[in-house]
């Protein structure tokens, strides 16, 4: 589903080539090109990005107890906390709670889990089968679509079948536009934030940049959560002034992402009010977790389209 659109765009360009051999085989060549590009990109990520990410994760996990203790000490030094005794033993043992949570995290186990990614062999056969199946699905997508339409028309009346096909087409447009918009914006934000934080010599720049990019997939909530968590870590590892400058930098980048980059990439508005987007993300997250938060907006947009037609 994700590779279909770029393969289609490449095929359209190849069909304009004057060479008959390329023009007649535009579909197959485009699929070959897009899979080679994907494999090369995956290889570069594994060789260059994953080792740095692994080191950042292990180092961060080892330092978590120290960071938690520093947070508690700073909170205890607040005047309001001292005056009202908010963290006294008889009110709440925050230190014990945080240390108990961190105690469940075993850095050695995290290292083993991360290293096992490079030694996995049991899923190779399934990955190869999935790869081959996806290639044939892209090659025969028109035949598959036509077969599904014929099946729908067997079981439903003509008017009902036409409505199902029309809404399926509309849902595909919405999902394609939304997923590509959010995915491209997320990748760009992850790369840009990683580079910016690295230039500013922020500790764990790779982990924080990837985290900010991943959370950018979630409308409204994602950017807020990612910046708050990132700045807490930067405050503990880099001091107050580095926190201020990185906060300003990240906020500017998110404004560019939300107001300029995302509308340009999407090219199609979902025509949803911000309130309904927030409701959709909240409900989707409460029912289906992180995946529900990611897909709640396009699902809500499809339901809004159906409701607007009075069906």
Protein backbone atom coordinates (compact mmCIF):
# COMPACT_ATOMS: atom_id res chain seq x y z
CA UNK A 1 0.00 0.00 0.00
CA UNK A 2 2.83 2.40 0.86
CA UNK A 3 4.91 1.58 -2.22
CA UNK A 4 1.97 1.69 -4.62
CA UNK A 5 1.89 5.47 -5.09
CA UNK A 6 5.63 6.02 -5.77
CA UNK A 7 5.64 3.00 -8.12
CA UNK A 8 2.66 4.49 -9.96
CA UNK A 9 4.39 7.88 -10.30
CA UNK A 10 7.58 6.29 -11.66
CA UNK A 11 5.53 4.22 -14.13
CA UNK A 12 3.81 7.37 -15.42
CA UNK A 13 7.22 8.97 -16.04
CA UNK A 14 8.55 5.86 -17.81
CA UNK A 15 5.54 5.76 -20.13
CA UNK A 16 6.62 9.14 -21.52
CA UNK A 17 10.01 7.75 -22.55
CA UNK A 18 10.43 7.31 -26.30
CA UNK A 19 12.06 3.87 -26.01
CA UNK A 20 9.38 1.22 -26.71
CA UNK A 21 11.03 -1.43 -24.52
CA UNK A 22 10.86 0.83 -21.44
CA UNK A 23 7.40 2.19 -22.26
CA UNK A 24 5.84 -1.29 -22.62
CA UNK A 25 7.40 -2.52 -19.39
CA UNK A 26 6.90 0.66 -17.37
CA UNK A 27 4.94 -1.09 -14.60
CA UNK A 28 7.54 -3.81 -13.98
CA UNK A 29 10.50 -1.44 -14.21
CA UNK A 30 8.86 1.04 -11.81
CA UNK A 31 8.24 -1.72 -9.25
CA UNK A 32 11.83 -2.94 -9.60
CA UNK A 33 13.17 0.59 -9.13
CA UNK A 34 11.03 1.35 -6.07
CA UNK A 35 11.97 -1.94 -4.36
CA UNK A 36 15.67 -1.41 -5.05
CA UNK A 37 15.41 2.11 -3.61
CA UNK A 38 13.61 0.75 -0.54
CA UNK A 39 16.22 -1.97 0.02
CA UNK A 40 19.09 0.52 -0.38
CA UNK A 41 17.43 2.93 2.07
CA UNK A 42 16.85 0.11 4.57
CA UNK A 43 20.47 -1.00 4.25
CA UNK A 44 21.78 2.52 4.86
CA UNK A 45 19.52 2.91 7.90
CA UNK A 46 20.68 -0.42 9.36
CA UNK A 47 24.38 0.37 8.80
CA UNK A 48 24.44 4.05 9.77
CA UNK A 49 21.42 4.82 11.94
CA UNK A 50 20.69 1.70 14.00
CA UNK A 51 24.14 1.48 15.72
CA UNK A 52 23.93 5.12 16.86
CA UNK A 53 20.35 4.60 18.00
CA UNK A 54 21.36 1.47 19.93
CA UNK A 55 24.18 3.28 21.74
CA UNK A 56 21.87 6.16 22.66
CA UNK A 57 19.18 3.81 24.02
CA UNK A 58 21.63 1.78 26.14
CA UNK A 59 23.31 4.90 27.53
CA UNK A 60 19.97 6.53 28.30
CA UNK A 61 18.69 3.40 30.07
CA UNK A 62 21.85 3.23 32.19
CA UNK A 63 21.49 6.86 33.25
CA UNK A 64 17.74 6.77 33.99
CA UNK A 65 18.15 6.23 37.77
CA UNK A 66 20.48 9.25 38.03
CA UNK A 67 18.11 11.43 36.00
CA UNK A 68 15.15 10.37 38.13
CA UNK A 69 17.05 11.22 41.30
CA UNK A 70 17.99 14.62 39.90
CA UNK A 71 14.34 15.36 39.04
CA UNK A 72 13.27 14.47 42.58
CA UNK A 73 15.98 16.65 44.11
CA UNK A 74 14.97 19.63 42.01
CA UNK A 75 11.29 19.18 42.86
CA UNK A 76 12.10 18.90 46.56
CA UNK A 77 14.01 22.20 46.42
CA UNK A 78 10.98 24.13 45.16
CA UNK A 79 9.76 26.57 47.82
CA UNK A 80 6.13 25.49 47.51
CA UNK A 81 7.12 21.84 47.95
CA UNK A 82 9.12 22.63 51.09
CA UNK A 83 6.39 24.83 52.57
CA UNK A 84 3.55 22.34 52.17
CA UNK A 85 5.61 19.16 52.47
CA UNK A 86 4.21 17.70 49.26
CA UNK A 87 6.86 15.00 48.98
CA UNK A 88 7.04 13.99 52.65
CA UNK A 89 6.77 10.32 53.46
CA UNK A 90 3.29 10.61 54.91
CA UNK A 91 1.90 12.26 51.75
CA UNK A 92 3.60 10.49 48.83
CA UNK A 93 6.86 8.65 48.42
CA UNK A 94 7.72 9.87 44.92
CA UNK A 95 11.32 8.68 45.12
CA UNK A 96 10.33 5.12 45.98
CA UNK A 97 7.70 5.07 43.24
CA UNK A 98 10.08 6.24 40.52
CA UNK A 99 12.91 4.01 41.68
CA UNK A 100 10.57 1.02 41.79
CA UNK A 101 9.54 1.69 38.19
CA UNK A 102 13.13 2.15 37.03
CA UNK A 103 14.16 -0.97 38.95
CA UNK A 104 12.05 -3.02 36.57
CA UNK A 105 14.18 -1.84 33.65
CA UNK A 106 17.22 -4.02 33.16
CA UNK A 107 19.83 -2.29 30.94
CA UNK A 108 21.53 -5.62 30.22
CA UNK A 109 18.26 -7.06 28.94
CA UNK A 110 17.68 -3.98 26.75
CA UNK A 111 21.11 -4.56 25.26
CA UNK A 112 20.33 -8.20 24.59
CA UNK A 113 17.01 -7.34 22.95
CA UNK A 114 18.66 -4.72 20.74
CA UNK A 115 21.46 -7.09 19.72
CA UNK A 116 19.02 -9.90 18.93
CA UNK A 117 17.56 -7.77 16.13
CA UNK A 118 20.75 -8.39 14.15
CA UNK A 119 20.67 -12.17 14.72
CA UNK A 120 17.04 -12.95 13.95
CA UNK A 121 16.65 -15.77 11.46
CA UNK A 122 13.24 -17.25 12.18
CA UNK A 123 11.39 -14.51 10.30
CA UNK A 124 13.50 -14.57 7.13
CA UNK A 125 11.28 -17.05 5.30
CA UNK A 126 8.12 -15.08 6.10
CA UNK A 127 9.79 -11.83 5.04
CA UNK A 128 10.80 -13.30 1.67
CA UNK A 129 7.28 -14.65 1.06
CA UNK A 130 5.77 -11.28 2.01
CA UNK A 131 8.18 -9.48 -0.32
CA UNK A 132 7.31 -11.73 -3.27
CA UNK A 133 3.58 -11.45 -2.55
CA UNK A 134 3.75 -7.64 -2.38
CA UNK A 135 5.49 -7.51 -5.78
CA UNK A 136 2.77 -9.63 -7.42
CA UNK A 137 0.06 -7.55 -5.71
CA UNK A 138 1.51 -4.39 -7.26
CA UNK A 139 1.82 -6.06 -10.67
CA UNK A 140 -1.75 -7.40 -10.61
CA UNK A 141 -3.51 -4.70 -8.59
CA UNK A 142 -6.03 -3.93 -11.38
CA UNK A 143 -7.00 -7.58 -11.70
CA UNK A 144 -7.36 -7.91 -7.91
CA UNK A 145 -9.50 -4.75 -7.78
CA UNK A 146 -11.72 -5.89 -10.66
CA UNK A 147 -12.19 -9.29 -9.02
CA UNK A 148 -13.28 -7.65 -5.75
CA UNK A 149 -15.73 -5.42 -7.64
CA UNK A 150 -17.25 -8.45 -9.37
CA UNK A 151 -17.65 -10.23 -6.03
CA UNK A 152 -19.37 -7.16 -4.54
CA UNK A 153 -21.78 -6.98 -7.47
CA UNK A 154 -22.66 -10.66 -7.07
CA UNK A 155 -23.82 -10.21 -3.47
CA UNK A 156 -25.34 -6.69 -3.64
CA UNK A 157 -27.76 -4.80 -5.85
CA UNK A 158 -26.29 -2.49 -8.48
CA UNK A 159 -26.97 0.73 -6.57
CA UNK A 160 -25.58 -0.67 -3.31
CA UNK A 161 -22.54 -2.11 -5.07
CA UNK A 162 -21.85 1.23 -6.79
CA UNK A 163 -22.08 3.04 -3.42
CA UNK A 164 -19.68 0.56 -1.81
CA UNK A 165 -17.17 1.04 -4.63
CA UNK A 166 -17.54 4.81 -4.52
CA UNK A 167 -16.94 5.01 -0.77
CA UNK A 168 -14.08 2.52 -0.99
CA UNK A 169 -12.45 4.75 -3.61
CA UNK A 170 -13.00 7.82 -1.43
CA UNK A 171 -11.63 6.02 1.65
CA UNK A 172 -8.53 5.03 -0.32
CA UNK A 173 -7.97 8.66 -1.35
CA UNK A 174 -8.31 9.85 2.24
CA UNK A 175 -6.02 7.18 3.71
CA UNK A 176 -3.41 7.60 0.97
CA UNK A 177 -3.32 11.38 1.36
CA UNK A 178 -3.25 11.30 5.16
CA UNK A 179 -0.73 8.46 5.61
CA UNK A 180 1.70 9.87 3.04
CA UNK A 181 1.40 13.36 4.46
CA UNK A 182 2.03 12.26 8.03
CA UNK A 183 4.72 9.74 7.07
CA UNK A 184 6.68 12.18 4.91
CA UNK A 185 6.37 14.95 7.50
CA UNK A 186 7.42 12.52 10.23
CA UNK A 187 10.52 11.38 8.32
CA UNK A 188 11.51 14.97 7.48
CA UNK A 189 10.98 16.06 11.08
CA UNK A 190 12.99 13.12 12.44
CA UNK A 191 15.93 13.88 10.14
CA UNK A 192 15.76 17.65 10.66
CA UNK A 193 15.44 17.40 14.45
CA UNK A 194 18.27 14.86 14.68
CA UNK A 195 20.55 17.13 12.64
CA UNK A 196 19.54 20.27 14.58
CA UNK A 197 20.00 18.60 17.98
CA UNK A 198 23.33 17.12 16.88
CA UNK A 199 24.55 20.56 15.74
CA UNK A 200 23.50 21.98 19.13
CA UNK A 201 25.45 19.11 20.75
CA UNK A 202 22.43 17.71 22.57
CA UNK A 203 22.97 14.39 24.26
CA UNK A 204 20.89 11.50 22.83
CA UNK A 205 20.19 13.57 19.69
CA UNK A 206 19.44 10.45 17.61
CA UNK A 207 16.91 9.03 20.07
CA UNK A 208 15.21 12.39 20.63
CA UNK A 209 15.08 13.19 16.91
CA UNK A 210 13.55 9.80 16.10
CA UNK A 211 11.07 10.16 18.98
CA UNK A 212 9.95 13.62 17.85
CA UNK A 213 9.53 12.39 14.28
CA UNK A 214 7.51 9.34 15.35
CA UNK A 215 5.23 11.37 17.60
CA UNK A 216 4.65 13.82 14.74
CA UNK A 217 2.41 11.11 13.22
CA UNK A 218 -0.17 11.95 15.91
CA UNK A 219 -2.01 15.26 15.29
CA UNK A 220 -1.89 17.94 18.03
CA UNK A 221 -0.95 15.65 20.93
CA UNK A 222 2.17 14.16 19.35
CA UNK A 223 4.12 17.39 18.97
CA UNK A 224 3.26 18.58 22.48
CA UNK A 225 4.19 15.29 24.16
CA UNK A 226 7.43 14.89 22.19
CA UNK A 227 8.70 18.42 22.90
CA UNK A 228 7.90 18.22 26.63
CA UNK A 229 9.65 14.86 27.08
CA UNK A 230 12.61 15.89 24.91
CA UNK A 231 13.10 19.14 26.81
CA UNK A 232 13.00 17.37 30.19
CA UNK A 233 15.85 15.12 29.03
CA UNK A 234 17.77 18.06 27.54
CA UNK A 235 17.32 20.02 30.79
CA UNK A 236 18.83 17.17 32.79
CA UNK A 237 21.72 16.57 30.38
CA UNK A 238 22.48 20.02 28.97
CA UNK A 239 21.32 22.71 31.35
CA UNK A 240 18.77 25.50 31.24
CA UNK A 241 20.15 27.58 28.35
CA UNK A 242 20.47 24.63 26.00
CA UNK A 243 16.90 23.73 26.93
CA UNK A 244 15.69 27.23 26.04
CA UNK A 245 17.42 27.30 22.66
CA UNK A 246 16.35 23.78 21.70
CA UNK A 247 12.76 24.57 22.74
CA UNK A 248 12.71 27.62 20.46
CA UNK A 249 14.27 25.61 17.62
CA UNK A 250 11.82 22.71 17.93
CA UNK A 251 8.80 25.01 18.18
CA UNK A 252 9.86 26.86 15.01
CA UNK A 253 10.37 23.55 13.18
CA UNK A 254 6.96 22.29 14.28
CA UNK A 255 5.29 25.50 13.11
CA UNK A 256 6.92 25.06 9.70
CA UNK A 257 5.78 21.44 9.68
CA UNK A 258 2.18 22.17 10.66
CA UNK A 259 1.55 25.35 8.66
CA UNK A 260 3.72 24.98 5.55
CA UNK A 261 5.10 21.50 4.99
CA UNK A 262 2.08 19.34 5.85
CA UNK A 263 -0.46 21.28 3.70
CA UNK A 264 1.97 21.23 0.76
CA UNK A 265 2.59 17.50 1.01
CA UNK A 266 -1.02 16.55 1.62
CA UNK A 267 -2.38 18.54 -1.29
CA UNK A 268 -5.90 17.65 -0.12
CA UNK A 269 -7.72 18.84 2.99
CA UNK A 270 -9.59 16.35 5.13
CA UNK A 271 -12.04 19.18 5.85
CA UNK A 272 -12.35 18.33 9.55
CA UNK A 273 -12.69 20.76 12.42
CA UNK A 274 -9.82 20.68 14.97
CA UNK A 275 -12.25 19.66 17.74
CA UNK A 276 -13.33 16.52 15.85
CA UNK A 277 -9.70 15.63 15.14
CA UNK A 278 -8.91 15.88 18.86
CA UNK A 279 -11.98 13.77 19.71
CA UNK A 280 -11.03 11.19 17.06
CA UNK A 281 -7.44 10.91 18.33
CA UNK A 282 -8.62 10.62 21.96
CA UNK A 283 -11.21 7.94 21.22
CA UNK A 284 -8.90 6.03 18.87
CA UNK A 285 -6.09 6.07 21.43
CA UNK A 286 -8.33 4.91 24.29
CA UNK A 287 -9.77 2.03 22.25
CA UNK A 288 -6.83 0.84 20.14
CA UNK A 289 -3.73 2.45 21.62
CA UNK A 290 -1.00 4.02 19.52
CA UNK A 291 -2.26 2.50 16.25
CA UNK A 292 -5.72 3.90 16.97
CA UNK A 293 -4.24 7.38 17.40
CA UNK A 294 -2.45 7.10 14.06
CA UNK A 295 -5.46 5.94 12.03
CA UNK A 296 -8.28 7.65 13.91
CA UNK A 297 -8.24 10.83 11.78
CA UNK A 298 -8.64 9.18 8.33
CA UNK A 299 -11.27 6.81 9.76
CA UNK A 300 -13.19 9.78 11.16
CA UNK A 301 -12.87 11.55 7.80
CA UNK A 302 -14.39 8.54 6.02
CA UNK A 303 -17.25 8.36 8.54
CA UNK A 304 -17.83 12.10 8.11
CA UNK A 305 -18.07 11.61 4.32
CA UNK A 306 -20.59 8.80 4.71
CA UNK A 307 -22.64 10.77 7.27
CA UNK A 308 -22.66 13.87 5.06
CA UNK A 309 -24.29 11.83 2.28
CA UNK A 310 -27.04 10.71 4.66
CA UNK A 311 -26.13 7.04 4.68
